[in-house]
Amino acid sequence: MAKAKRPVFIFPELESRGRGAILRTNEEVAAEIDALHEIEDEPKERIKVTYRFPPEAVEAVEDIRRILRRQHGVRKVNREDIAQAAVIEALRDLEERGDASFIVREFLG
């Protein structure tokens, strides 16, 4: 018994791209679009600065990374991003709460 020949499939949407074109799923396209938006949302310019942290502050940053990864599923976060978020949040808190902000209490004793 002879095998039946496979039917020929034609995809007109690929004709302009050639025979070697790759089809992607909607999920793959959406993931690529999301990745591009993340890149666009990042600041275009960063200035390198150096601050000296005591060992307990360095350990705290590592603990934050670990907790974000293990308990919240945040995979792509680095120490720089954590420090940046903390500084921006400290400024926001200072501007909103003034004397009641944690940063004022920290330095006033």
PDB file of N, CA and C in Angstrom:
ATOM      1  N   MET A   1       0.838  -1.177   0.000  1.00  0.00           N
ATOM      2  CA  MET A   1       0.000   0.000   0.000  1.00  0.00           C
ATOM      3  C   MET A   1       0.883   1.240   0.000  1.00  0.00           C
ATOM      4  N   ALA A   2       0.670   2.129  -0.916  1.00  0.00           N
ATOM      5  CA  ALA A   2       1.493   3.329  -1.066  1.00  0.00           C
ATOM      6  C   ALA A   2       0.988   4.416  -0.124  1.00  0.00           C
ATOM      7  N   LYS A   3       1.936   5.151   0.386  1.00  0.00           N
ATOM      8  CA  LYS A   3       1.584   6.278   1.263  1.00  0.00           C
ATOM      9  C   LYS A   3       0.973   7.396   0.432  1.00  0.00           C
ATOM     10  N   ALA A   4       0.007   8.050   1.045  1.00  0.00           N
ATOM     11  CA  ALA A   4      -0.598   9.196   0.366  1.00  0.00           C
ATOM     12  C   ALA A   4       0.369  10.369   0.425  1.00  0.00           C
ATOM     13  N   LYS A   5       0.427  11.105  -0.643  1.00  0.00           N
ATOM     14  CA  LYS A   5       1.317  12.263  -0.691  1.00  0.00           C
ATOM     15  C   LYS A   5       0.724  13.387   0.153  1.00  0.00           C
ATOM     16  N   ARG A   6       1.593  14.036   0.910  1.00  0.00           N
ATOM     17  CA  ARG A   6       1.142  15.159   1.747  1.00  0.00           C
ATOM     18  C   ARG A   6       0.586  16.276   0.889  1.00  0.00           C
ATOM     19  N   PRO A   7      -0.461  16.933   1.380  1.00  0.00           N
ATOM     20  CA  PRO A   7      -0.974  18.081   0.626  1.00  0.00           C
ATOM     21  C   PRO A   7       0.014  19.244   0.718  1.00  0.00           C
ATOM     22  N   VAL A   8       0.025  20.081  -0.283  1.00  0.00           N
ATOM     23  CA  VAL A   8       0.900  21.243  -0.318  1.00  0.00           C
ATOM     24  C   VAL A   8       0.194  22.387   0.389  1.00  0.00           C
ATOM     25  N   PHE A   9       0.873  22.962   1.357  1.00  0.00           N
ATOM     26  CA  PHE A   9       0.321  24.113   2.071  1.00  0.00           C
ATOM     27  C   PHE A   9       0.934  25.380   1.500  1.00  0.00           C
ATOM     28  N   ILE A  10       0.114  26.374   1.301  1.00  0.00           N
ATOM     29  CA  ILE A  10       0.581  27.647   0.764  1.00  0.00           C
ATOM     30  C   ILE A  10       0.179  28.742   1.741  1.00  0.00           C
ATOM     31  N   PHE A  11       1.146  29.575   2.090  1.00  0.00           N
ATOM     32  CA  PHE A  11       0.910  30.699   2.983  1.00  0.00           C
ATOM     33  C   PHE A  11       1.181  31.987   2.217  1.00  0.00           C
ATOM     34  N   PRO A  12       0.141  32.596   1.663  1.00  0.00           N
ATOM     35  CA  PRO A  12       0.360  33.791   0.847  1.00  0.00           C
ATOM     36  C   PRO A  12       1.003  34.936   1.617  1.00  0.00           C
ATOM     37  N   GLU A  13       0.774  34.998   2.936  1.00  0.00           N
ATOM     38  CA  GLU A  13       1.358  36.090   3.718  1.00  0.00           C
ATOM     39  C   GLU A  13       2.875  36.006   3.792  1.00  0.00           C
ATOM     40  N   LEU A  14       3.430  34.839   3.469  1.00  0.00           N
ATOM     41  CA  LEU A  14       4.881  34.675   3.514  1.00  0.00           C
ATOM     42  C   LEU A  14       5.549  34.874   2.163  1.00  0.00           C
ATOM     43  N   GLU A  15       4.774  34.958   1.116  1.00  0.00           N
ATOM     44  CA  GLU A  15       5.351  35.055  -0.226  1.00  0.00           C
ATOM     45  C   GLU A  15       6.313  36.229  -0.359  1.00  0.00           C
ATOM     46  N   SER A  16       5.976  37.363   0.258  1.00  0.00           N
ATOM     47  CA  SER A  16       6.845  38.536   0.142  1.00  0.00           C
ATOM     48  C   SER A  16       8.129  38.370   0.948  1.00  0.00           C
ATOM     49  N   ARG A  17       8.129  37.462   1.906  1.00  0.00           N
ATOM     50  CA  ARG A  17       9.299  37.267   2.769  1.00  0.00           C
ATOM     51  C   ARG A  17      10.193  36.135   2.289  1.00  0.00           C
ATOM     52  N   GLY A  18       9.706  35.310   1.424  1.00  0.00           N
ATOM     53  CA  GLY A  18      10.520  34.216   0.919  1.00  0.00           C
ATOM     54  C   GLY A  18      10.198  32.902   1.606  1.00  0.00           C
ATOM     55  N   ARG A  19      10.751  31.839   1.066  1.00  0.00           N
ATOM     56  CA  ARG A  19      10.434  30.492   1.543  1.00  0.00           C
ATOM     57  C   ARG A  19      10.979  30.222   2.932  1.00  0.00           C
ATOM     58  N   GLY A  20      12.054  30.886   3.328  1.00  0.00           N
ATOM     59  CA  GLY A  20      12.672  30.605   4.625  1.00  0.00           C
ATOM     60  C   GLY A  20      12.095  31.409   5.774  1.00  0.00           C
ATOM     61  N   ALA A  21      10.988  32.109   5.564  1.00  0.00           N
ATOM     62  CA  ALA A  21      10.414  32.956   6.608  1.00  0.00           C
ATOM     63  C   ALA A  21       9.960  32.107   7.794  1.00  0.00           C
ATOM     64  N   ILE A  22      10.048  32.672   8.979  1.00  0.00           N
ATOM     65  CA  ILE A  22       9.686  31.970  10.201  1.00  0.00           C
ATOM     66  C   ILE A  22       8.390  32.550  10.739  1.00  0.00           C
ATOM     67  N   LEU A  23       7.450  31.676  11.033  1.00  0.00           N
ATOM     68  CA  LEU A  23       6.201  32.107  11.660  1.00  0.00           C
ATOM     69  C   LEU A  23       6.398  32.118  13.169  1.00  0.00           C
ATOM     70  N   ARG A  24       5.844  33.122  13.824  1.00  0.00           N
ATOM     71  CA  ARG A  24       5.911  33.197  15.281  1.00  0.00           C
ATOM     72  C   ARG A  24       4.502  33.219  15.832  1.00  0.00           C
ATOM     73  N   THR A  25       4.363  32.686  17.040  1.00  0.00           N
ATOM     74  CA  THR A  25       3.052  32.681  17.679  1.00  0.00           C
ATOM     75  C   THR A  25       2.734  34.071  18.200  1.00  0.00           C
ATOM     76  N   ASN A  26       1.463  34.304  18.505  1.00  0.00           N
ATOM     77  CA  ASN A  26       1.057  35.589  19.088  1.00  0.00           C
ATOM     78  C   ASN A  26       1.782  35.850  20.399  1.00  0.00           C
ATOM     79  N   GLU A  27       1.994  34.793  21.196  1.00  0.00           N
ATOM     80  CA  GLU A  27       2.690  34.941  22.476  1.00  0.00           C
ATOM     81  C   GLU A  27       4.139  35.392  22.272  1.00  0.00           C
ATOM     82  N   GLU A  28       4.803  34.826  21.250  1.00  0.00           N
ATOM     83  CA  GLU A  28       6.185  35.222  20.969  1.00  0.00           C
ATOM     84  C   GLU A  28       6.258  36.676  20.523  1.00  0.00           C
ATOM     85  N   VAL A  29       5.328  37.086  19.704  1.00  0.00           N
ATOM     86  CA  VAL A  29       5.299  38.477  19.238  1.00  0.00           C
ATOM     87  C   VAL A  29       5.025  39.407  20.412  1.00  0.00           C
ATOM     88  N   ALA A  30       4.067  39.051  21.274  1.00  0.00           N
ATOM     89  CA  ALA A  30       3.739  39.881  22.442  1.00  0.00           C
ATOM     90  C   ALA A  30       4.933  39.982  23.387  1.00  0.00           C
ATOM     91  N   ALA A  31       5.647  38.870  23.587  1.00  0.00           N
ATOM     92  CA  ALA A  31       6.827  38.892  24.467  1.00  0.00           C
ATOM     93  C   ALA A  31       7.911  39.801  23.900  1.00  0.00           C
ATOM     94  N   GLU A  32       8.097  39.782  22.593  1.00  0.00           N
ATOM     95  CA  GLU A  32       9.093  40.658  21.975  1.00  0.00           C
ATOM     96  C   GLU A  32       8.693  42.127  22.122  1.00  0.00           C
ATOM     97  N   ILE A  33       7.421  42.419  21.930  1.00  0.00           N
ATOM     98  CA  ILE A  33       6.938  43.798  22.086  1.00  0.00           C
ATOM     99  C   ILE A  33       7.129  44.268  23.518  1.00  0.00           C
ATOM    100  N   ASP A  34       6.815  43.403  24.493  1.00  0.00           N
ATOM    101  CA  ASP A  34       7.018  43.751  25.901  1.00  0.00           C
ATOM    102  C   ASP A  34       8.491  44.024  26.190  1.00  0.00           C
ATOM    103  N   ALA A  35       9.376  43.187  25.646  1.00  0.00           N
ATOM    104  CA  ALA A  35      10.812  43.379  25.863  1.00  0.00           C
ATOM    105  C   ALA A  35      11.275  44.705  25.269  1.00  0.00           C
ATOM    106  N   LEU A  36      10.755  45.058  24.103  1.00  0.00           N
ATOM    107  CA  LEU A  36      11.123  46.337  23.490  1.00  0.00           C
ATOM    108  C   LEU A  36      10.633  47.516  24.324  1.00  0.00           C
ATOM    109  N   HIS A  37       9.428  47.397  24.896  1.00  0.00           N
ATOM    110  CA  HIS A  37       8.910  48.466  25.754  1.00  0.00           C
ATOM    111  C   HIS A  37       9.754  48.630  27.008  1.00  0.00           C
ATOM    112  N   GLU A  38      10.225  47.508  27.570  1.00  0.00           N
ATOM    113  CA  GLU A  38      11.089  47.578  28.754  1.00  0.00           C
ATOM    114  C   GLU A  38      12.376  48.317  28.440  1.00  0.00           C
ATOM    115  N   ILE A  39      12.939  48.062  27.266  1.00  0.00           N
ATOM    116  CA  ILE A  39      14.168  48.739  26.864  1.00  0.00           C
ATOM    117  C   ILE A  39      13.907  50.230  26.698  1.00  0.00           C
ATOM    118  N   GLU A  40      12.759  50.587  26.114  1.00  0.00           N
ATOM    119  CA  GLU A  40      12.421  51.990  25.906  1.00  0.00           C
ATOM    120  C   GLU A  40      12.183  52.712  27.222  1.00  0.00           C
ATOM    121  N   ASP A  41      11.673  51.989  28.245  1.00  0.00           N
ATOM    122  CA  ASP A  41      11.367  52.601  29.535  1.00  0.00           C
ATOM    123  C   ASP A  41      12.619  52.885  30.365  1.00  0.00           C
ATOM    124  N   GLU A  42      13.720  52.209  30.057  1.00  0.00           N
ATOM    125  CA  GLU A  42      14.950  52.420  30.813  1.00  0.00           C
ATOM    126  C   GLU A  42      15.513  53.803  30.515  1.00  0.00           C
ATOM    127  N   PRO A  43      16.140  54.409  31.517  1.00  0.00           N
ATOM    128  CA  PRO A  43      16.752  55.705  31.262  1.00  0.00           C
ATOM    129  C   PRO A  43      17.832  55.576  30.187  1.00  0.00           C
ATOM    130  N   LYS A  44      17.903  56.568  29.337  1.00  0.00           N
ATOM    131  CA  LYS A  44      18.865  56.525  28.231  1.00  0.00           C
ATOM    132  C   LYS A  44      20.282  56.816  28.707  1.00  0.00           C
ATOM    133  N   GLU A  45      20.397  57.589  29.767  1.00  0.00           N
ATOM    134  CA  GLU A  45      21.720  57.984  30.233  1.00  0.00           C
ATOM    135  C   GLU A  45      21.854  57.659  31.706  1.00  0.00           C
ATOM    136  N   ARG A  46      22.973  57.111  32.066  1.00  0.00           N
ATOM    137  CA  ARG A  46      23.267  56.840  33.474  1.00  0.00           C
ATOM    138  C   ARG A  46      24.625  57.442  33.776  1.00  0.00           C
ATOM    139  N   ILE A  47      24.725  58.015  34.939  1.00  0.00           N
ATOM    140  CA  ILE A  47      25.983  58.609  35.381  1.00  0.00           C
ATOM    141  C   ILE A  47      26.578  57.688  36.434  1.00  0.00           C
ATOM    142  N   LYS A  48      27.818  57.340  36.250  1.00  0.00           N
ATOM    143  CA  LYS A  48      28.471  56.455  37.207  1.00  0.00           C
ATOM    144  C   LYS A  48      28.928  57.256  38.416  1.00  0.00           C
ATOM    145  N   VAL A  49      28.496  56.796  39.587  1.00  0.00           N
ATOM    146  CA  VAL A  49      28.914  57.391  40.850  1.00  0.00           C
ATOM    147  C   VAL A  49      29.330  56.262  41.779  1.00  0.00           C
ATOM    148  N   THR A  50      30.133  56.587  42.758  1.00  0.00           N
ATOM    149  CA  THR A  50      30.571  55.585  43.720  1.00  0.00           C
ATOM    150  C   THR A  50      30.221  56.060  45.115  1.00  0.00           C
ATOM    151  N   TYR A  51      29.572  55.193  45.872  1.00  0.00           N
ATOM    152  CA  TYR A  51      29.258  55.459  47.271  1.00  0.00           C
ATOM    153  C   TYR A  51      29.810  54.311  48.087  1.00  0.00           C
ATOM    154  N   ARG A  52      30.230  54.624  49.271  1.00  0.00           N
ATOM    155  CA  ARG A  52      30.737  53.577  50.159  1.00  0.00           C
ATOM    156  C   ARG A  52      29.623  53.176  51.116  1.00  0.00           C
ATOM    157  N   PHE A  53      29.348  51.877  51.148  1.00  0.00           N
ATOM    158  CA  PHE A  53      28.299  51.336  52.011  1.00  0.00           C
ATOM    159  C   PHE A  53      28.945  50.487  53.087  1.00  0.00           C
ATOM    160  N   PRO A  54      28.415  50.522  54.292  1.00  0.00           N
ATOM    161  CA  PRO A  54      28.894  49.587  55.314  1.00  0.00           C
ATOM    162  C   PRO A  54      28.446  48.176  54.938  1.00  0.00           C
ATOM    163  N   PRO A  55      29.109  47.161  55.474  1.00  0.00           N
ATOM    164  CA  PRO A  55      28.767  45.779  55.111  1.00  0.00           C
ATOM    165  C   PRO A  55      27.288  45.427  55.314  1.00  0.00           C
ATOM    166  N   GLU A  56      26.668  45.950  56.364  1.00  0.00           N
ATOM    167  CA  GLU A  56      25.263  45.609  56.603  1.00  0.00           C
ATOM    168  C   GLU A  56      24.337  46.179  55.515  1.00  0.00           C
ATOM    169  N   ALA A  57      24.705  47.322  54.932  1.00  0.00           N
ATOM    170  CA  ALA A  57      23.908  47.888  53.840  1.00  0.00           C
ATOM    171  C   ALA A  57      24.071  47.055  52.567  1.00  0.00           C
ATOM    172  N   VAL A  58      25.291  46.581  52.307  1.00  0.00           N
ATOM    173  CA  VAL A  58      25.530  45.723  51.146  1.00  0.00           C
ATOM    174  C   VAL A  58      24.745  44.418  51.304  1.00  0.00           C
ATOM    175  N   GLU A  59      24.753  43.870  52.507  1.00  0.00           N
ATOM    176  CA  GLU A  59      23.989  42.647  52.768  1.00  0.00           C
ATOM    177  C   GLU A  59      22.491  42.893  52.610  1.00  0.00           C
ATOM    178  N   ALA A  60      22.035  44.081  53.002  1.00  0.00           N
ATOM    179  CA  ALA A  60      20.609  44.412  52.863  1.00  0.00           C
ATOM    180  C   ALA A  60      20.208  44.438  51.391  1.00  0.00           C
ATOM    181  N   VAL A  61      21.062  44.994  50.546  1.00  0.00           N
ATOM    182  CA  VAL A  61      20.768  45.026  49.104  1.00  0.00           C
ATOM    183  C   VAL A  61      20.695  43.602  48.565  1.00  0.00           C
ATOM    184  N   GLU A  62      21.625  42.747  48.987  1.00  0.00           N
ATOM    185  CA  GLU A  62      21.593  41.346  48.554  1.00  0.00           C
ATOM    186  C   GLU A  62      20.336  40.650  49.055  1.00  0.00           C
ATOM    187  N   ASP A  63      19.928  40.946  50.288  1.00  0.00           N
ATOM    188  CA  ASP A  63      18.703  40.361  50.831  1.00  0.00           C
ATOM    189  C   ASP A  63      17.482  40.806  50.019  1.00  0.00           C
ATOM    190  N   ILE A  64      17.461  42.067  49.625  1.00  0.00           N
ATOM    191  CA  ILE A  64      16.357  42.575  48.805  1.00  0.00           C
ATOM    192  C   ILE A  64      16.311  41.813  47.489  1.00  0.00           C
ATOM    193  N   ARG A  65      17.452  41.646  46.843  1.00  0.00           N
ATOM    194  CA  ARG A  65      17.498  40.888  45.579  1.00  0.00           C
ATOM    195  C   ARG A  65      16.970  39.473  45.770  1.00  0.00           C
ATOM    196  N   ARG A  66      17.426  38.819  46.827  1.00  0.00           N
ATOM    197  CA  ARG A  66      17.032  37.441  47.095  1.00  0.00           C
ATOM    198  C   ARG A  66      15.521  37.340  47.352  1.00  0.00           C
ATOM    199  N   ILE A  67      14.990  38.250  48.165  1.00  0.00           N
ATOM    200  CA  ILE A  67      13.554  38.235  48.474  1.00  0.00           C
ATOM    201  C   ILE A  67      12.736  38.517  47.216  1.00  0.00           C
ATOM    202  N   LEU A  68      13.156  39.491  46.426  1.00  0.00           N
ATOM    203  CA  LEU A  68      12.443  39.789  45.181  1.00  0.00           C
ATOM    204  C   LEU A  68      12.411  38.572  44.263  1.00  0.00           C
ATOM    205  N   ARG A  69      13.536  37.866  44.182  1.00  0.00           N
ATOM    206  CA  ARG A  69      13.623  36.695  43.325  1.00  0.00           C
ATOM    207  C   ARG A  69      12.781  35.539  43.848  1.00  0.00           C
ATOM    208  N   ARG A  70      12.964  35.200  45.114  1.00  0.00           N
ATOM    209  CA  ARG A  70      12.347  33.988  45.659  1.00  0.00           C
ATOM    210  C   ARG A  70      10.873  34.155  46.002  1.00  0.00           C
ATOM    211  N   GLN A  71      10.508  35.293  46.583  1.00  0.00           N
ATOM    212  CA  GLN A  71       9.135  35.443  47.072  1.00  0.00           C
ATOM    213  C   GLN A  71       8.225  36.171  46.089  1.00  0.00           C
ATOM    214  N   HIS A  72       8.804  36.948  45.160  1.00  0.00           N
ATOM    215  CA  HIS A  72       7.975  37.755  44.274  1.00  0.00           C
ATOM    216  C   HIS A  72       8.202  37.457  42.796  1.00  0.00           C
ATOM    217  N   GLY A  73       9.132  36.550  42.488  1.00  0.00           N
ATOM    218  CA  GLY A  73       9.343  36.143  41.108  1.00  0.00           C
ATOM    219  C   GLY A  73      10.009  37.179  40.223  1.00  0.00           C
ATOM    220  N   VAL A  74      10.633  38.201  40.825  1.00  0.00           N
ATOM    221  CA  VAL A  74      11.318  39.233  40.047  1.00  0.00           C
ATOM    222  C   VAL A  74      12.699  38.688  39.698  1.00  0.00           C
ATOM    223  N   ARG A  75      12.925  38.399  38.422  1.00  0.00           N
ATOM    224  CA  ARG A  75      14.177  37.755  38.007  1.00  0.00           C
ATOM    225  C   ARG A  75      15.260  38.746  37.602  1.00  0.00           C
ATOM    226  N   LYS A  76      14.887  39.801  36.907  1.00  0.00           N
ATOM    227  CA  LYS A  76      15.908  40.707  36.384  1.00  0.00           C
ATOM    228  C   LYS A  76      15.952  41.977  37.220  1.00  0.00           C
ATOM    229  N   VAL A  77      16.679  41.909  38.300  1.00  0.00           N
ATOM    230  CA  VAL A  77      16.897  43.107  39.112  1.00  0.00           C
ATOM    231  C   VAL A  77      18.356  43.062  39.567  1.00  0.00           C
ATOM    232  N   ASN A  78      19.008  44.207  39.487  1.00  0.00           N
ATOM    233  CA  ASN A  78      20.400  44.241  39.923  1.00  0.00           C
ATOM    234  C   ASN A  78      20.564  45.231  41.070  1.00  0.00           C
ATOM    235  N   ARG A  79      21.735  45.244  41.644  1.00  0.00           N
ATOM    236  CA  ARG A  79      22.004  46.092  42.812  1.00  0.00           C
ATOM    237  C   ARG A  79      21.810  47.574  42.481  1.00  0.00           C
ATOM    238  N   GLU A  80      22.217  47.948  41.295  1.00  0.00           N
ATOM    239  CA  GLU A  80      22.092  49.339  40.863  1.00  0.00           C
ATOM    240  C   GLU A  80      20.626  49.775  40.830  1.00  0.00           C
ATOM    241  N   ASP A  81      19.763  48.907  40.288  1.00  0.00           N
ATOM    242  CA  ASP A  81      18.332  49.223  40.229  1.00  0.00           C
ATOM    243  C   ASP A  81      17.733  49.354  41.626  1.00  0.00           C
ATOM    244  N   ILE A  82      18.160  48.499  42.543  1.00  0.00           N
ATOM    245  CA  ILE A  82      17.649  48.552  43.918  1.00  0.00           C
ATOM    246  C   ILE A  82      18.072  49.848  44.586  1.00  0.00           C
ATOM    247  N   ALA A  83      19.344  50.223  44.455  1.00  0.00           N
ATOM    248  CA  ALA A  83      19.823  51.471  45.051  1.00  0.00           C
ATOM    249  C   ALA A  83      19.102  52.668  44.444  1.00  0.00           C
ATOM    250  N   GLN A  84      18.914  52.657  43.136  1.00  0.00           N
ATOM    251  CA  GLN A  84      18.219  53.755  42.455  1.00  0.00           C
ATOM    252  C   GLN A  84      16.788  53.885  42.965  1.00  0.00           C
ATOM    253  N   ALA A  85      16.068  52.772  43.062  1.00  0.00           N
ATOM    254  CA  ALA A  85      14.682  52.802  43.540  1.00  0.00           C
ATOM    255  C   ALA A  85      14.615  53.308  44.979  1.00  0.00           C
ATOM    256  N   ALA A  86      15.572  52.896  45.809  1.00  0.00           N
ATOM    257  CA  ALA A  86      15.579  53.322  47.203  1.00  0.00           C
ATOM    258  C   ALA A  86      15.818  54.825  47.331  1.00  0.00           C
ATOM    259  N   VAL A  87      16.734  55.359  46.551  1.00  0.00           N
ATOM    260  CA  VAL A  87      17.031  56.792  46.611  1.00  0.00           C
ATOM    261  C   VAL A  87      15.834  57.609  46.125  1.00  0.00           C
ATOM    262  N   ILE A  88      15.232  57.200  45.044  1.00  0.00           N
ATOM    263  CA  ILE A  88      14.072  57.927  44.505  1.00  0.00           C
ATOM    264  C   ILE A  88      12.907  57.867  45.490  1.00  0.00           C
ATOM    265  N   GLU A  89      12.700  56.717  46.120  1.00  0.00           N
ATOM    266  CA  GLU A  89      11.621  56.582  47.109  1.00  0.00           C
ATOM    267  C   GLU A  89      11.922  57.425  48.354  1.00  0.00           C
ATOM    268  N   ALA A  90      13.183  57.498  48.764  1.00  0.00           N
ATOM    269  CA  ALA A  90      13.547  58.327  49.919  1.00  0.00           C
ATOM    270  C   ALA A  90      13.252  59.799  49.624  1.00  0.00           C
ATOM    271  N   LEU A  91      13.561  60.247  48.432  1.00  0.00           N
ATOM    272  CA  LEU A  91      13.266  61.633  48.054  1.00  0.00           C
ATOM    273  C   LEU A  91      11.762  61.879  48.035  1.00  0.00           C
ATOM    274  N   ARG A  92      11.004  60.959  47.439  1.00  0.00           N
ATOM    275  CA  ARG A  92       9.541  61.109  47.387  1.00  0.00           C
ATOM    276  C   ARG A  92       8.965  61.181  48.798  1.00  0.00           C
ATOM    277  N   ASP A  93       9.437  60.314  49.689  1.00  0.00           N
ATOM    278  CA  ASP A  93       8.968  60.303  51.073  1.00  0.00           C
ATOM    279  C   ASP A  93       9.329  61.604  51.779  1.00  0.00           C
ATOM    280  N   LEU A  94      10.535  62.101  51.561  1.00  0.00           N
ATOM    281  CA  LEU A  94      10.971  63.355  52.172  1.00  0.00           C
ATOM    282  C   LEU A  94      10.114  64.522  51.702  1.00  0.00           C
ATOM    283  N   GLU A  95       9.850  64.581  50.398  1.00  0.00           N
ATOM    284  CA  GLU A  95       9.043  65.673  49.862  1.00  0.00           C
ATOM    285  C   GLU A  95       7.592  65.610  50.337  1.00  0.00           C
ATOM    286  N   GLU A  96       7.047  64.409  50.465  1.00  0.00           N
ATOM    287  CA  GLU A  96       5.649  64.269  50.873  1.00  0.00           C
ATOM    288  C   GLU A  96       5.452  64.427  52.377  1.00  0.00           C
ATOM    289  N   ARG A  97       6.356  63.847  53.157  1.00  0.00           N
ATOM    290  CA  ARG A  97       6.131  63.779  54.605  1.00  0.00           C
ATOM    291  C   ARG A  97       6.998  64.735  55.417  1.00  0.00           C
ATOM    292  N   GLY A  98       8.012  65.301  54.800  1.00  0.00           N
ATOM    293  CA  GLY A  98       8.858  66.271  55.503  1.00  0.00           C
ATOM    294  C   GLY A  98       9.483  65.696  56.759  1.00  0.00           C
ATOM    295  N   ASP A  99       9.237  66.341  57.902  1.00  0.00           N
ATOM    296  CA  ASP A  99       9.838  65.914  59.177  1.00  0.00           C
ATOM    297  C   ASP A  99       9.449  64.500  59.593  1.00  0.00           C
ATOM    298  N   ALA A 100       8.338  64.010  59.090  1.00  0.00           N
ATOM    299  CA  ALA A 100       7.888  62.664  59.454  1.00  0.00           C
ATOM    300  C   ALA A 100       8.512  61.580  58.576  1.00  0.00           C
ATOM    301  N   SER A 101       9.292  61.963  57.585  1.00  0.00           N
ATOM    302  CA  SER A 101       9.886  60.969  56.686  1.00  0.00           C
ATOM    303  C   SER A 101      10.947  60.149  57.415  1.00  0.00           C
ATOM    304  N   PHE A 102      11.159  58.946  56.927  1.00  0.00           N
ATOM    305  CA  PHE A 102      12.128  58.065  57.580  1.00  0.00           C
ATOM    306  C   PHE A 102      13.543  58.615  57.471  1.00  0.00           C
ATOM    307  N   ILE A 103      13.850  59.342  56.413  1.00  0.00           N
ATOM    308  CA  ILE A 103      15.221  59.832  56.217  1.00  0.00           C
ATOM    309  C   ILE A 103      15.547  60.947  57.207  1.00  0.00           C
ATOM    310  N   VAL A 104      14.573  61.800  57.513  1.00  0.00           N
ATOM    311  CA  VAL A 104      14.779  62.846  58.518  1.00  0.00           C
ATOM    312  C   VAL A 104      14.966  62.199  59.886  1.00  0.00           C
ATOM    313  N   ARG A 105      14.122  61.225  60.203  1.00  0.00           N
ATOM    314  CA  ARG A 105      14.244  60.530  61.499  1.00  0.00           C
ATOM    315  C   ARG A 105      15.592  59.828  61.606  1.00  0.00           C
ATOM    316  N   GLU A 106      16.065  59.265  60.504  1.00  0.00           N
ATOM    317  CA  GLU A 106      17.350  58.548  60.495  1.00  0.00           C
ATOM    318  C   GLU A 106      18.502  59.478  60.855  1.00  0.00           C
ATOM    319  N   PHE A 107      18.492  60.673  60.304  1.00  0.00           N
ATOM    320  CA  PHE A 107      19.638  61.570  60.500  1.00  0.00           C
ATOM    321  C   PHE A 107      19.495  62.535  61.654  1.00  0.00           C
ATOM    322  N   LEU A 108      18.290  62.678  62.165  1.00  0.00           N
ATOM    323  CA  LEU A 108      18.105  63.499  63.364  1.00  0.00           C
ATOM    324  C   LEU A 108      18.310  62.661  64.633  1.00  0.00           C
ATOM    325  N   GLY A 109      18.256  61.365  64.459  1.00  0.00           N
ATOM    326  CA  GLY A 109      18.466  60.479  65.612  1.00  0.00           C
ATOM    327  C   GLY A 109      17.149  60.143  66.183  1.00  0.00           C
TER     328      GLY A 109
END
